[in-house]
Amino acid sequence: MKLLRWSPVDPRVSLAVDDALLEMAERGEAEEMLRIWEFSEPVVVLGRSCEAAREVRLDLCRHKKIPVLRRVSGGGTIVGGPGCLMYSVLLSIERRPQLRHLDLAHQTVLTRLAVALRAAAGLDAAIVGTSDIALPAFGEESVLRKVSGNSLRVKRDWLLYHGTLLIDFELALVSELLLPPPREPEYRAARDHQQFVTNLQIDRIALEHALVHAFGAAGESARPSESELDQLVRDRYGNDAWNFSR
């Protein structure tokens, strides 16, 4: 598995990179890889089928000039930015046919994330909901608070799996920019955003090293061409017809 550390300044390009890498893999131009990255500014990212007006405080985002973008994978709406580490994994379905079963795809990647959190800081992370990772709340061991949300996109021969790891993110932005979600996992128990999410508060370098080790990543991954990224920004991530299609 190859490794790519690449965080473009433009959040639209950051999303386009994952999209392009998946297409490259389908064309036989990329190998299995782990990408570690971060948005350079606060940004709201909708899941492929999310309805912007039902999940995002759009007027406030416009007022604050915070981009609202839509990714190609499923899952819920997130707020990213500095302090929210992002990771992306490309996996070959031909090599790992069990990944066609989505529950096994989630289990395969999330188990490695949990291993990385344990190695980086001794955290006993729980895999909960469809694709969340959570930690026991301080002083309330039975209450879990979300530290990672994840989603996937499956093509014919390749799987893109990506997600968030809240390290030292400005959590108030989540409550400020997002409406209550239309659907929620049972363990959320109707808590608002502020009571539901928390930061890992662990060393970033240690976590990145643990992720690389957990996925067995080494060697530099191929990168998409500038022309391919530009095309994706024009067609999708810089296009309101895509970002606000729902």
C-alpha atoms as a PDB file:
ATOM      1  CA  MET A   1       0.000   0.000   0.000  1.00  0.00           C
ATOM      2  CA  LYS A   2       1.322   3.425  -0.996  1.00  0.00           C
ATOM      3  CA  LEU A   3       1.210   6.620   1.065  1.00  0.00           C
ATOM      4  CA  LEU A   4       0.118  10.098   0.000  1.00  0.00           C
ATOM      5  CA  ARG A   5       0.337  13.159   2.233  1.00  0.00           C
ATOM      6  CA  TRP A   6      -1.336  15.901   0.234  1.00  0.00           C
ATOM      7  CA  SER A   7      -3.553  18.749   1.432  1.00  0.00           C
ATOM      8  CA  PRO A   8      -4.363  21.206  -1.376  1.00  0.00           C
ATOM      9  CA  VAL A   9      -5.207  24.708  -0.192  1.00  0.00           C
ATOM     10  CA  ASP A  10      -8.474  24.795  -2.169  1.00  0.00           C
ATOM     11  CA  PRO A  11     -11.082  22.558  -0.450  1.00  0.00           C
ATOM     12  CA  ARG A  12     -12.680  21.832  -3.817  1.00  0.00           C
ATOM     13  CA  VAL A  13      -9.413  20.359  -5.026  1.00  0.00           C
ATOM     14  CA  SER A  14      -9.033  18.374  -1.795  1.00  0.00           C
ATOM     15  CA  LEU A  15     -12.290  16.556  -2.555  1.00  0.00           C
ATOM     16  CA  ALA A  16     -11.384  16.200  -6.216  1.00  0.00           C
ATOM     17  CA  VAL A  17      -8.171  14.366  -5.272  1.00  0.00           C
ATOM     18  CA  ASP A  18     -10.070  11.461  -3.689  1.00  0.00           C
ATOM     19  CA  ASP A  19     -12.458  11.328  -6.635  1.00  0.00           C
ATOM     20  CA  ALA A  20      -9.602  11.326  -9.150  1.00  0.00           C
ATOM     21  CA  LEU A  21      -7.587   8.706  -7.262  1.00  0.00           C
ATOM     22  CA  LEU A  22     -10.541   6.315  -7.376  1.00  0.00           C
ATOM     23  CA  GLU A  23     -10.894   6.829 -11.127  1.00  0.00           C
ATOM     24  CA  MET A  24      -7.142   6.336 -11.584  1.00  0.00           C
ATOM     25  CA  ALA A  25      -7.330   3.043  -9.704  1.00  0.00           C
ATOM     26  CA  GLU A  26     -10.201   1.885 -11.906  1.00  0.00           C
ATOM     27  CA  ARG A  27      -8.052   2.651 -14.957  1.00  0.00           C
ATOM     28  CA  GLY A  28      -5.123   0.699 -13.504  1.00  0.00           C
ATOM     29  CA  GLU A  29      -3.089   3.863 -12.879  1.00  0.00           C
ATOM     30  CA  ALA A  30      -2.990   3.779  -9.066  1.00  0.00           C
ATOM     31  CA  GLU A  31      -2.263   1.189  -6.388  1.00  0.00           C
ATOM     32  CA  GLU A  32      -3.822   0.630  -2.981  1.00  0.00           C
ATOM     33  CA  MET A  33      -3.018   3.689  -0.934  1.00  0.00           C
ATOM     34  CA  LEU A  34      -3.525   5.682   2.253  1.00  0.00           C
ATOM     35  CA  ARG A  35      -3.899   9.439   1.956  1.00  0.00           C
ATOM     36  CA  ILE A  36      -3.534  11.671   5.028  1.00  0.00           C
ATOM     37  CA  TRP A  37      -4.710  15.251   4.643  1.00  0.00           C
ATOM     38  CA  GLU A  38      -6.579  18.205   6.134  1.00  0.00           C
ATOM     39  CA  PHE A  39      -8.779  21.037   4.916  1.00  0.00           C
ATOM     40  CA  SER A  40      -6.999  24.393   5.105  1.00  0.00           C
ATOM     41  CA  GLU A  41     -10.161  26.262   6.141  1.00  0.00           C
ATOM     42  CA  PRO A  42     -13.578  25.428   7.623  1.00  0.00           C
ATOM     43  CA  VAL A  43     -15.810  23.697   5.088  1.00  0.00           C
ATOM     44  CA  VAL A  44     -19.154  21.876   5.131  1.00  0.00           C
ATOM     45  CA  VAL A  45     -19.202  18.628   3.153  1.00  0.00           C
ATOM     46  CA  LEU A  46     -22.499  16.957   2.270  1.00  0.00           C
ATOM     47  CA  GLY A  47     -22.822  13.238   1.674  1.00  0.00           C
ATOM     48  CA  ARG A  48     -23.827  12.228  -1.851  1.00  0.00           C
ATOM     49  CA  SER A  49     -27.563  12.019  -1.048  1.00  0.00           C
ATOM     50  CA  CYS A  50     -27.836  14.659   1.711  1.00  0.00           C
ATOM     51  CA  GLU A  51     -30.290  17.541   1.313  1.00  0.00           C
ATOM     52  CA  ALA A  52     -28.427  20.792   1.869  1.00  0.00           C
ATOM     53  CA  ALA A  53     -31.391  22.834   3.105  1.00  0.00           C
ATOM     54  CA  ARG A  54     -32.357  20.159   5.660  1.00  0.00           C
ATOM     55  CA  GLU A  55     -28.885  19.705   7.123  1.00  0.00           C
ATOM     56  CA  VAL A  56     -26.964  22.970   6.781  1.00  0.00           C
ATOM     57  CA  ARG A  57     -27.498  26.541   7.967  1.00  0.00           C
ATOM     58  CA  LEU A  58     -26.952  27.821   4.452  1.00  0.00           C
ATOM     59  CA  ASP A  59     -27.545  31.522   5.171  1.00  0.00           C
ATOM     60  CA  LEU A  60     -24.903  31.476   7.901  1.00  0.00           C
ATOM     61  CA  CYS A  61     -22.436  29.626   5.681  1.00  0.00           C
ATOM     62  CA  ARG A  62     -22.929  32.231   2.967  1.00  0.00           C
ATOM     63  CA  HIS A  63     -22.523  35.052   5.494  1.00  0.00           C
ATOM     64  CA  LYS A  64     -19.294  33.541   6.835  1.00  0.00           C
ATOM     65  CA  LYS A  65     -18.107  32.583   3.337  1.00  0.00           C
ATOM     66  CA  ILE A  66     -17.766  28.946   4.364  1.00  0.00           C
ATOM     67  CA  PRO A  67     -17.857  26.618   1.344  1.00  0.00           C
ATOM     68  CA  VAL A  68     -20.624  24.019   1.155  1.00  0.00           C
ATOM     69  CA  LEU A  69     -19.503  21.122  -1.038  1.00  0.00           C
ATOM     70  CA  ARG A  70     -20.775  17.650  -1.891  1.00  0.00           C
ATOM     71  CA  ARG A  71     -18.591  14.529  -1.968  1.00  0.00           C
ATOM     72  CA  VAL A  72     -19.068  11.409  -4.095  1.00  0.00           C
ATOM     73  CA  SER A  73     -19.450   9.044  -1.137  1.00  0.00           C
ATOM     74  CA  GLY A  74     -22.494   8.460   1.042  1.00  0.00           C
ATOM     75  CA  GLY A  75     -22.903   9.154   4.732  1.00  0.00           C
ATOM     76  CA  GLY A  76     -23.904  12.293   6.577  1.00  0.00           C
ATOM     77  CA  THR A  77     -22.860  15.929   6.477  1.00  0.00           C
ATOM     78  CA  ILE A  78     -19.613  16.926   8.177  1.00  0.00           C
ATOM     79  CA  VAL A  79     -17.726  20.080   9.042  1.00  0.00           C
ATOM     80  CA  GLY A  80     -14.009  19.900   8.311  1.00  0.00           C
ATOM     81  CA  GLY A  81     -11.102  22.277   8.744  1.00  0.00           C
ATOM     82  CA  PRO A  82      -7.883  22.719  10.703  1.00  0.00           C
ATOM     83  CA  GLY A  83      -7.772  20.285  13.618  1.00  0.00           C
ATOM     84  CA  CYS A  84      -9.901  17.678  11.841  1.00  0.00           C
ATOM     85  CA  LEU A  85      -7.492  15.160  10.326  1.00  0.00           C
ATOM     86  CA  MET A  86      -8.779  13.489   7.177  1.00  0.00           C
ATOM     87  CA  TYR A  87      -7.745  10.122   5.803  1.00  0.00           C
ATOM     88  CA  SER A  88      -8.652   8.279   2.601  1.00  0.00           C
ATOM     89  CA  VAL A  89      -7.997   4.649   1.677  1.00  0.00           C
ATOM     90  CA  LEU A  90      -8.119   3.024  -1.757  1.00  0.00           C
ATOM     91  CA  LEU A  91      -8.607  -0.745  -1.632  1.00  0.00           C
ATOM     92  CA  SER A  92      -8.745  -3.281  -4.450  1.00  0.00           C
ATOM     93  CA  ILE A  93     -11.978  -5.280  -4.512  1.00  0.00           C
ATOM     94  CA  GLU A  94     -10.371  -7.764  -6.876  1.00  0.00           C
ATOM     95  CA  ARG A  95      -7.722  -8.443  -4.228  1.00  0.00           C
ATOM     96  CA  ARG A  96     -10.220  -8.251  -1.346  1.00  0.00           C
ATOM     97  CA  PRO A  97     -13.584  -9.521  -2.692  1.00  0.00           C
ATOM     98  CA  GLN A  98     -15.136  -9.421   0.787  1.00  0.00           C
ATOM     99  CA  LEU A  99     -15.242  -5.630   0.460  1.00  0.00           C
ATOM    100  CA  ARG A 100     -18.281  -5.963  -1.816  1.00  0.00           C
ATOM    101  CA  HIS A 101     -20.194  -6.574   1.428  1.00  0.00           C
ATOM    102  CA  LEU A 102     -20.486  -3.083   2.877  1.00  0.00           C
ATOM    103  CA  ASP A 103     -20.569  -4.233   6.497  1.00  0.00           C
ATOM    104  CA  LEU A 104     -17.247  -6.018   5.964  1.00  0.00           C
ATOM    105  CA  ALA A 105     -15.834  -2.969   4.189  1.00  0.00           C
ATOM    106  CA  HIS A 106     -16.673  -0.815   7.218  1.00  0.00           C
ATOM    107  CA  GLN A 107     -15.268  -3.417   9.603  1.00  0.00           C
ATOM    108  CA  THR A 108     -12.032  -3.793   7.623  1.00  0.00           C
ATOM    109  CA  VAL A 109     -11.137  -0.111   7.701  1.00  0.00           C
ATOM    110  CA  LEU A 110     -12.587   0.894  11.063  1.00  0.00           C
ATOM    111  CA  THR A 111     -10.785  -1.928  12.839  1.00  0.00           C
ATOM    112  CA  ARG A 112      -7.498  -0.510  11.575  1.00  0.00           C
ATOM    113  CA  LEU A 113      -8.489   2.966  12.724  1.00  0.00           C
ATOM    114  CA  ALA A 114      -9.239   1.613  16.187  1.00  0.00           C
ATOM    115  CA  VAL A 115      -5.848  -0.127  16.226  1.00  0.00           C
ATOM    116  CA  ALA A 116      -4.168   3.160  15.288  1.00  0.00           C
ATOM    117  CA  LEU A 117      -5.910   5.053  18.095  1.00  0.00           C
ATOM    118  CA  ARG A 118      -4.854   2.412  20.586  1.00  0.00           C
ATOM    119  CA  ALA A 119      -1.257   2.525  19.368  1.00  0.00           C
ATOM    120  CA  ALA A 120      -1.076   6.331  19.287  1.00  0.00           C
ATOM    121  CA  ALA A 121      -2.570   7.064  22.695  1.00  0.00           C
ATOM    122  CA  GLY A 122      -3.860   3.882  24.330  1.00  0.00           C
ATOM    123  CA  LEU A 123      -7.452   4.839  23.525  1.00  0.00           C
ATOM    124  CA  ASP A 124     -10.102   2.131  23.691  1.00  0.00           C
ATOM    125  CA  ALA A 125     -12.158   3.244  20.705  1.00  0.00           C
ATOM    126  CA  ALA A 126     -15.547   1.699  19.938  1.00  0.00           C
ATOM    127  CA  ILE A 127     -16.916   1.065  16.445  1.00  0.00           C
ATOM    128  CA  VAL A 128     -20.565   2.116  16.622  1.00  0.00           C
ATOM    129  CA  GLY A 129     -23.470   2.994  14.370  1.00  0.00           C
ATOM    130  CA  THR A 130     -22.929   2.309  10.696  1.00  0.00           C
ATOM    131  CA  SER A 131     -19.454   3.788  10.434  1.00  0.00           C
ATOM    132  CA  ASP A 132     -18.562   5.859  13.508  1.00  0.00           C
ATOM    133  CA  ILE A 133     -15.757   5.613  16.024  1.00  0.00           C
ATOM    134  CA  ALA A 134     -16.494   6.886  19.514  1.00  0.00           C
ATOM    135  CA  LEU A 135     -14.880   7.136  22.941  1.00  0.00           C
ATOM    136  CA  PRO A 136     -16.421   6.928  26.411  1.00  0.00           C
ATOM    137  CA  ALA A 137     -17.278  10.362  27.779  1.00  0.00           C
ATOM    138  CA  PHE A 138     -15.117  11.556  30.676  1.00  0.00           C
ATOM    139  CA  GLY A 139     -16.723  10.365  33.908  1.00  0.00           C
ATOM    140  CA  GLU A 140     -19.534   8.594  32.024  1.00  0.00           C
ATOM    141  CA  GLU A 141     -18.160   5.315  30.713  1.00  0.00           C
ATOM    142  CA  SER A 142     -21.538   4.233  29.326  1.00  0.00           C
ATOM    143  CA  VAL A 143     -21.901   7.386  27.207  1.00  0.00           C
ATOM    144  CA  LEU A 144     -20.056   7.402  23.879  1.00  0.00           C
ATOM    145  CA  ARG A 145     -18.982  10.558  22.048  1.00  0.00           C
ATOM    146  CA  LYS A 146     -18.111  10.555  18.374  1.00  0.00           C
ATOM    147  CA  VAL A 147     -14.539  11.259  17.262  1.00  0.00           C
ATOM    148  CA  SER A 148     -14.661   9.885  13.713  1.00  0.00           C
ATOM    149  CA  GLY A 149     -17.245   9.665  10.938  1.00  0.00           C
ATOM    150  CA  ASN A 150     -16.642   7.676   7.767  1.00  0.00           C
ATOM    151  CA  SER A 151     -18.135   6.927   4.364  1.00  0.00           C
ATOM    152  CA  LEU A 152     -17.396   4.932   1.237  1.00  0.00           C
ATOM    153  CA  ARG A 153     -17.847   4.734  -2.510  1.00  0.00           C
ATOM    154  CA  VAL A 154     -17.707   1.430  -4.370  1.00  0.00           C
ATOM    155  CA  LYS A 155     -16.915   1.089  -8.054  1.00  0.00           C
ATOM    156  CA  ARG A 156     -16.456  -2.044 -10.130  1.00  0.00           C
ATOM    157  CA  ASP A 157     -12.978  -3.027  -8.913  1.00  0.00           C
ATOM    158  CA  TRP A 158     -12.061  -0.466  -6.257  1.00  0.00           C
ATOM    159  CA  LEU A 159     -13.319   0.942  -2.971  1.00  0.00           C
ATOM    160  CA  LEU A 160     -12.749   4.479  -1.689  1.00  0.00           C
ATOM    161  CA  TYR A 161     -13.125   4.713   2.080  1.00  0.00           C
ATOM    162  CA  HIS A 162     -12.533   8.031   3.813  1.00  0.00           C
ATOM    163  CA  GLY A 163     -13.330   9.838   7.014  1.00  0.00           C
ATOM    164  CA  THR A 164     -12.537  12.274   9.794  1.00  0.00           C
ATOM    165  CA  LEU A 165     -10.519  12.154  12.994  1.00  0.00           C
ATOM    166  CA  LEU A 166     -11.251  15.042  15.360  1.00  0.00           C
ATOM    167  CA  ILE A 167      -7.961  15.969  17.028  1.00  0.00           C
ATOM    168  CA  ASP A 168      -8.259  19.581  18.167  1.00  0.00           C
ATOM    169  CA  PHE A 169     -11.057  20.875  15.961  1.00  0.00           C
ATOM    170  CA  GLU A 170     -13.188  23.929  16.758  1.00  0.00           C
ATOM    171  CA  LEU A 171     -16.219  21.838  17.716  1.00  0.00           C
ATOM    172  CA  ALA A 172     -18.505  24.859  18.122  1.00  0.00           C
ATOM    173  CA  LEU A 173     -18.528  25.109  14.320  1.00  0.00           C
ATOM    174  CA  VAL A 174     -20.504  21.875  14.086  1.00  0.00           C
ATOM    175  CA  SER A 175     -23.409  23.260  16.122  1.00  0.00           C
ATOM    176  CA  GLU A 176     -23.090  26.642  14.456  1.00  0.00           C
ATOM    177  CA  LEU A 177     -23.173  25.449  10.842  1.00  0.00           C
ATOM    178  CA  LEU A 178     -25.244  22.258  10.898  1.00  0.00           C
ATOM    179  CA  LEU A 179     -28.911  21.681  11.658  1.00  0.00           C
ATOM    180  CA  PRO A 180     -29.968  18.634  13.697  1.00  0.00           C
ATOM    181  CA  PRO A 181     -29.479  15.612  11.423  1.00  0.00           C
ATOM    182  CA  PRO A 182     -32.558  14.049   9.792  1.00  0.00           C
ATOM    183  CA  ARG A 183     -31.259  10.599  10.768  1.00  0.00           C
ATOM    184  CA  GLU A 184     -29.056   9.593  13.653  1.00  0.00           C
ATOM    185  CA  PRO A 185     -27.504   6.410  15.070  1.00  0.00           C
ATOM    186  CA  GLU A 186     -29.169   4.924  18.116  1.00  0.00           C
ATOM    187  CA  TYR A 187     -26.198   5.644  20.373  1.00  0.00           C
ATOM    188  CA  ARG A 188     -26.571   9.387  19.736  1.00  0.00           C
ATOM    189  CA  ALA A 189     -29.732   9.283  21.872  1.00  0.00           C
ATOM    190  CA  ALA A 190     -31.074  12.638  20.589  1.00  0.00           C
ATOM    191  CA  ARG A 191     -28.052  14.579  21.862  1.00  0.00           C
ATOM    192  CA  ASP A 192     -27.249  17.866  20.158  1.00  0.00           C
ATOM    193  CA  HIS A 193     -24.006  18.289  18.236  1.00  0.00           C
ATOM    194  CA  GLN A 194     -22.169  19.824  21.194  1.00  0.00           C
ATOM    195  CA  GLN A 195     -22.942  16.867  23.455  1.00  0.00           C
ATOM    196  CA  PHE A 196     -22.341  14.263  20.764  1.00  0.00           C
ATOM    197  CA  VAL A 197     -18.877  14.983  19.338  1.00  0.00           C
ATOM    198  CA  THR A 198     -15.526  15.437  21.042  1.00  0.00           C
ATOM    199  CA  ASN A 199     -11.857  15.828  20.199  1.00  0.00           C
ATOM    200  CA  LEU A 200      -9.289  13.076  20.584  1.00  0.00           C
ATOM    201  CA  GLN A 201      -6.753  15.555  22.000  1.00  0.00           C
ATOM    202  CA  ILE A 202      -3.817  13.364  21.067  1.00  0.00           C
ATOM    203  CA  ASP A 203      -0.504  14.072  19.371  1.00  0.00           C
ATOM    204  CA  ARG A 204      -1.040  14.523  15.633  1.00  0.00           C
ATOM    205  CA  ILE A 205       2.339  13.130  14.600  1.00  0.00           C
ATOM    206  CA  ALA A 206       1.858  10.028  16.754  1.00  0.00           C
ATOM    207  CA  LEU A 207      -1.585   9.473  15.230  1.00  0.00           C
ATOM    208  CA  GLU A 208      -0.313   9.864  11.677  1.00  0.00           C
ATOM    209  CA  HIS A 209       2.508   7.392  12.353  1.00  0.00           C
ATOM    210  CA  ALA A 210       0.003   4.955  13.868  1.00  0.00           C
ATOM    211  CA  LEU A 211      -2.276   5.242  10.826  1.00  0.00           C
ATOM    212  CA  VAL A 212       0.613   4.555   8.458  1.00  0.00           C
ATOM    213  CA  HIS A 213       1.620   1.507  10.511  1.00  0.00           C
ATOM    214  CA  ALA A 214      -1.955   0.191  10.870  1.00  0.00           C
ATOM    215  CA  PHE A 215      -2.505   0.260   7.105  1.00  0.00           C
ATOM    216  CA  GLY A 216       1.021  -0.841   6.227  1.00  0.00           C
ATOM    217  CA  ALA A 217       1.523   2.155   3.944  1.00  0.00           C
ATOM    218  CA  ALA A 218       4.941   2.948   2.462  1.00  0.00           C
ATOM    219  CA  GLY A 219       6.291   4.593  -0.657  1.00  0.00           C
ATOM    220  CA  GLU A 220       4.879   7.570  -2.525  1.00  0.00           C
ATOM    221  CA  SER A 221       1.520   7.168  -4.263  1.00  0.00           C
ATOM    222  CA  ALA A 222       0.826   8.415  -7.763  1.00  0.00           C
ATOM    223  CA  ARG A 223      -0.970  11.765  -7.965  1.00  0.00           C
ATOM    224  CA  PRO A 224      -3.808  12.836 -10.244  1.00  0.00           C
ATOM    225  CA  SER A 225      -2.933  15.240 -13.023  1.00  0.00           C
ATOM    226  CA  GLU A 226      -3.702  18.925 -12.657  1.00  0.00           C
ATOM    227  CA  SER A 227      -5.952  18.736 -15.720  1.00  0.00           C
ATOM    228  CA  GLU A 228      -8.049  15.933 -14.204  1.00  0.00           C
ATOM    229  CA  LEU A 229      -8.452  17.849 -10.951  1.00  0.00           C
ATOM    230  CA  ASP A 230      -9.370  21.030 -12.818  1.00  0.00           C
ATOM    231  CA  GLN A 231     -12.041  19.128 -14.744  1.00  0.00           C
ATOM    232  CA  LEU A 232     -13.534  17.685 -11.546  1.00  0.00           C
ATOM    233  CA  VAL A 233     -13.635  21.136  -9.950  1.00  0.00           C
ATOM    234  CA  ARG A 234     -15.436  22.519 -13.009  1.00  0.00           C
ATOM    235  CA  ASP A 235     -17.899  19.650 -13.259  1.00  0.00           C
ATOM    236  CA  ARG A 236     -18.504  18.974  -9.576  1.00  0.00           C
ATOM    237  CA  TYR A 237     -16.823  20.651  -6.651  1.00  0.00           C
ATOM    238  CA  GLY A 238     -16.889  24.169  -8.051  1.00  0.00           C
ATOM    239  CA  ASN A 239     -20.329  23.726  -9.586  1.00  0.00           C
ATOM    240  CA  ASP A 240     -23.471  24.658  -7.645  1.00  0.00           C
ATOM    241  CA  ALA A 241     -25.484  22.277  -9.822  1.00  0.00           C
ATOM    242  CA  TRP A 242     -23.531  19.437  -8.174  1.00  0.00           C
ATOM    243  CA  ASN A 243     -23.053  20.833  -4.679  1.00  0.00           C
ATOM    244  CA  PHE A 244     -26.721  21.805  -4.308  1.00  0.00           C
ATOM    245  CA  SER A 245     -28.229  19.032  -6.414  1.00  0.00           C
ATOM    246  CA  ARG A 246     -30.331  18.027  -3.413  1.00  0.00           C
END
